[in-house]
N, C-alpha and C. Protein backbone atom coordinates (compact mmCIF):
# COMPACT_ATOMS: atom_id res chain seq x y z
N MET A 1 8.24 -13.95 7.50
CA MET A 1 7.96 -14.18 6.09
C MET A 1 7.90 -12.84 5.36
N ARG A 2 8.53 -12.78 4.22
CA ARG A 2 8.52 -11.57 3.40
C ARG A 2 7.09 -11.25 2.96
N GLU A 3 6.84 -9.96 2.68
CA GLU A 3 5.48 -9.53 2.36
C GLU A 3 5.44 -8.67 1.10
N PHE A 4 4.37 -8.85 0.37
CA PHE A 4 4.02 -8.01 -0.77
C PHE A 4 2.95 -7.05 -0.26
N ILE A 5 3.28 -5.78 -0.18
CA ILE A 5 2.35 -4.78 0.34
C ILE A 5 1.52 -4.21 -0.81
N ASN A 6 0.22 -4.32 -0.67
CA ASN A 6 -0.73 -3.74 -1.62
C ASN A 6 -1.28 -2.47 -0.97
N LEU A 7 -0.64 -1.33 -1.26
CA LEU A 7 -1.05 -0.05 -0.69
C LEU A 7 -1.93 0.65 -1.72
N SER A 8 -3.20 0.28 -1.69
CA SER A 8 -4.17 0.81 -2.65
C SER A 8 -5.57 0.62 -2.07
N ASN A 9 -6.55 1.09 -2.78
CA ASN A 9 -7.94 0.87 -2.38
C ASN A 9 -8.57 -0.26 -3.18
N HIS A 10 -7.74 -1.14 -3.69
CA HIS A 10 -8.19 -2.30 -4.46
C HIS A 10 -7.71 -3.56 -3.74
N ARG A 11 -8.56 -4.09 -2.89
CA ARG A 11 -8.19 -5.25 -2.07
C ARG A 11 -7.79 -6.43 -2.92
N SER A 12 -6.81 -7.14 -2.46
CA SER A 12 -6.27 -8.28 -3.21
C SER A 12 -7.28 -9.42 -3.34
N ASP A 13 -8.26 -9.50 -2.46
CA ASP A 13 -9.24 -10.58 -2.59
C ASP A 13 -10.14 -10.39 -3.80
N ASN A 14 -10.07 -9.23 -4.45
CA ASN A 14 -10.81 -8.97 -5.68
C ASN A 14 -9.95 -9.18 -6.93
N TRP A 15 -8.68 -9.53 -6.76
CA TRP A 15 -7.77 -9.74 -7.89
C TRP A 15 -8.06 -11.10 -8.53
N SER A 16 -7.62 -11.23 -9.75
CA SER A 16 -7.72 -12.53 -10.41
C SER A 16 -6.72 -13.50 -9.76
N LYS A 17 -6.93 -14.78 -10.02
CA LYS A 17 -6.03 -15.80 -9.48
C LYS A 17 -4.60 -15.56 -9.97
N ALA A 18 -4.46 -15.19 -11.24
CA ALA A 18 -3.12 -14.94 -11.80
C ALA A 18 -2.45 -13.75 -11.12
N GLN A 19 -3.20 -12.70 -10.83
CA GLN A 19 -2.63 -11.53 -10.16
C GLN A 19 -2.17 -11.90 -8.75
N ARG A 20 -2.99 -12.64 -8.04
CA ARG A 20 -2.63 -13.05 -6.68
C ARG A 20 -1.38 -13.93 -6.70
N GLN A 21 -1.33 -14.87 -7.62
CA GLN A 21 -0.17 -15.76 -7.70
C GLN A 21 1.10 -14.98 -8.01
N ALA A 22 1.01 -14.00 -8.90
CA ALA A 22 2.18 -13.19 -9.23
C ALA A 22 2.66 -12.41 -8.01
N ALA A 23 1.74 -11.83 -7.27
CA ALA A 23 2.11 -11.07 -6.07
C ALA A 23 2.69 -11.99 -5.00
N GLU A 24 2.12 -13.19 -4.87
CA GLU A 24 2.58 -14.12 -3.84
C GLU A 24 3.99 -14.64 -4.11
N ASN A 25 4.50 -14.43 -5.33
CA ASN A 25 5.90 -14.76 -5.60
C ASN A 25 6.83 -13.90 -4.76
N TYR A 26 6.34 -12.75 -4.30
CA TYR A 26 7.13 -11.85 -3.47
C TYR A 26 6.90 -12.06 -1.99
N GLY A 27 5.88 -12.84 -1.64
CA GLY A 27 5.57 -13.10 -0.23
C GLY A 27 4.08 -13.01 0.02
N GLU A 28 3.74 -13.06 1.29
CA GLU A 28 2.34 -12.95 1.71
C GLU A 28 1.79 -11.57 1.32
N ILE A 29 0.58 -11.52 0.79
CA ILE A 29 -0.03 -10.25 0.40
C ILE A 29 -0.64 -9.60 1.63
N VAL A 30 -0.30 -8.33 1.84
CA VAL A 30 -0.86 -7.54 2.93
C VAL A 30 -1.54 -6.32 2.32
N ASP A 31 -2.85 -6.19 2.53
CA ASP A 31 -3.61 -5.03 2.02
C ASP A 31 -3.56 -3.90 3.03
N ILE A 32 -3.15 -2.73 2.57
CA ILE A 32 -3.19 -1.51 3.39
C ILE A 32 -3.93 -0.47 2.56
N PRO A 33 -5.04 0.07 3.08
CA PRO A 33 -5.81 1.05 2.31
C PRO A 33 -5.00 2.32 2.03
N PHE A 34 -5.12 2.82 0.81
CA PHE A 34 -4.48 4.08 0.44
C PHE A 34 -5.20 5.21 1.17
N PRO A 35 -4.47 6.16 1.72
CA PRO A 35 -5.12 7.21 2.51
C PRO A 35 -5.88 8.22 1.64
N GLN A 36 -6.86 8.85 2.28
CA GLN A 36 -7.57 9.97 1.66
C GLN A 36 -6.63 11.18 1.72
N ILE A 37 -6.33 11.75 0.58
CA ILE A 37 -5.47 12.94 0.53
C ILE A 37 -6.29 14.06 -0.11
N TYR A 38 -6.49 15.10 0.65
CA TYR A 38 -7.32 16.21 0.17
C TYR A 38 -6.50 17.15 -0.70
N PRO A 39 -7.07 17.62 -1.81
CA PRO A 39 -6.33 18.51 -2.72
C PRO A 39 -5.81 19.78 -2.03
N GLN A 40 -6.51 20.24 -1.01
CA GLN A 40 -6.10 21.47 -0.33
C GLN A 40 -5.10 21.22 0.80
N ALA A 41 -4.66 19.98 0.98
CA ALA A 41 -3.68 19.66 2.03
C ALA A 41 -2.38 20.40 1.76
N ASP A 42 -1.81 20.97 2.82
CA ASP A 42 -0.54 21.67 2.66
C ASP A 42 0.62 20.69 2.94
N SER A 43 1.83 21.17 2.78
CA SER A 43 3.00 20.28 2.90
C SER A 43 3.13 19.71 4.32
N GLU A 44 2.72 20.44 5.34
CA GLU A 44 2.78 19.93 6.71
C GLU A 44 1.81 18.75 6.89
N GLU A 45 0.61 18.86 6.35
CA GLU A 45 -0.36 17.77 6.43
C GLU A 45 0.13 16.54 5.67
N ILE A 46 0.76 16.77 4.52
CA ILE A 46 1.30 15.66 3.74
C ILE A 46 2.45 14.99 4.50
N ASP A 47 3.32 15.79 5.12
CA ASP A 47 4.42 15.23 5.92
C ASP A 47 3.90 14.35 7.05
N ILE A 48 2.83 14.77 7.71
CA ILE A 48 2.24 13.98 8.80
C ILE A 48 1.74 12.64 8.25
N LEU A 49 1.07 12.69 7.12
CA LEU A 49 0.55 11.47 6.50
C LEU A 49 1.68 10.54 6.07
N VAL A 50 2.72 11.11 5.47
CA VAL A 50 3.87 10.31 5.04
C VAL A 50 4.51 9.62 6.25
N ASN A 51 4.71 10.35 7.32
CA ASN A 51 5.33 9.77 8.52
C ASN A 51 4.44 8.69 9.13
N LYS A 52 3.13 8.88 9.10
CA LYS A 52 2.21 7.86 9.61
C LYS A 52 2.38 6.57 8.82
N TYR A 53 2.42 6.67 7.49
CA TYR A 53 2.53 5.47 6.66
C TYR A 53 3.93 4.87 6.71
N LEU A 54 4.96 5.67 6.90
CA LEU A 54 6.29 5.11 7.11
C LEU A 54 6.32 4.26 8.38
N GLY A 55 5.62 4.74 9.41
CA GLY A 55 5.52 3.97 10.65
C GLY A 55 4.79 2.65 10.44
N ILE A 56 3.69 2.69 9.69
CA ILE A 56 2.94 1.47 9.40
C ILE A 56 3.80 0.50 8.61
N LEU A 57 4.45 0.99 7.57
CA LEU A 57 5.25 0.12 6.69
C LEU A 57 6.48 -0.43 7.39
N SER A 58 7.04 0.32 8.33
CA SER A 58 8.25 -0.13 9.01
C SER A 58 8.02 -1.38 9.86
N LYS A 59 6.78 -1.72 10.11
CA LYS A 59 6.45 -2.90 10.92
C LYS A 59 6.34 -4.17 10.08
N HIS A 60 6.61 -4.06 8.79
CA HIS A 60 6.47 -5.19 7.88
C HIS A 60 7.82 -5.60 7.31
N ASP A 61 7.91 -6.87 6.94
CA ASP A 61 9.10 -7.42 6.28
C ASP A 61 8.84 -7.38 4.77
N ILE A 62 9.08 -6.25 4.17
CA ILE A 62 8.64 -5.95 2.80
C ILE A 62 9.63 -6.45 1.76
N SER A 63 9.09 -7.17 0.78
CA SER A 63 9.90 -7.53 -0.38
C SER A 63 9.50 -6.70 -1.59
N ALA A 64 8.23 -6.23 -1.61
CA ALA A 64 7.74 -5.40 -2.72
C ALA A 64 6.52 -4.62 -2.24
N ILE A 65 6.33 -3.44 -2.83
CA ILE A 65 5.16 -2.63 -2.55
C ILE A 65 4.51 -2.24 -3.86
N MET A 66 3.20 -2.43 -3.96
CA MET A 66 2.43 -1.90 -5.05
C MET A 66 1.68 -0.69 -4.49
N LEU A 67 2.01 0.48 -4.99
CA LEU A 67 1.43 1.72 -4.50
C LEU A 67 0.58 2.32 -5.59
N GLN A 68 -0.73 2.38 -5.33
CA GLN A 68 -1.65 2.93 -6.33
C GLN A 68 -2.61 3.89 -5.65
N GLY A 69 -2.52 5.15 -6.05
CA GLY A 69 -3.47 6.15 -5.59
C GLY A 69 -4.26 6.67 -6.77
N GLU A 70 -5.25 7.46 -6.46
CA GLU A 70 -6.03 8.07 -7.52
C GLU A 70 -5.23 9.20 -8.14
N TYR A 71 -5.30 9.32 -9.43
CA TYR A 71 -4.51 10.30 -10.15
C TYR A 71 -5.22 11.64 -10.32
N VAL A 72 -6.40 11.76 -9.77
CA VAL A 72 -7.18 12.99 -9.96
C VAL A 72 -6.89 14.03 -8.90
């Protein structure tokens, strides 16, 4: 079954009914917590994190991803 990936720190069980229904049009909702990214992280640390999440995401049948991190 196709999946709607919610890659954020806002779990879908806290969404409104309308938000959940809209996401479910793309498939089953799968919550994946957004990682902690430290401001002092260098490019090597970021590459490790990116590869970790690519590995996690590659195990899913993705139809859509909502990616929300903190902007600060």
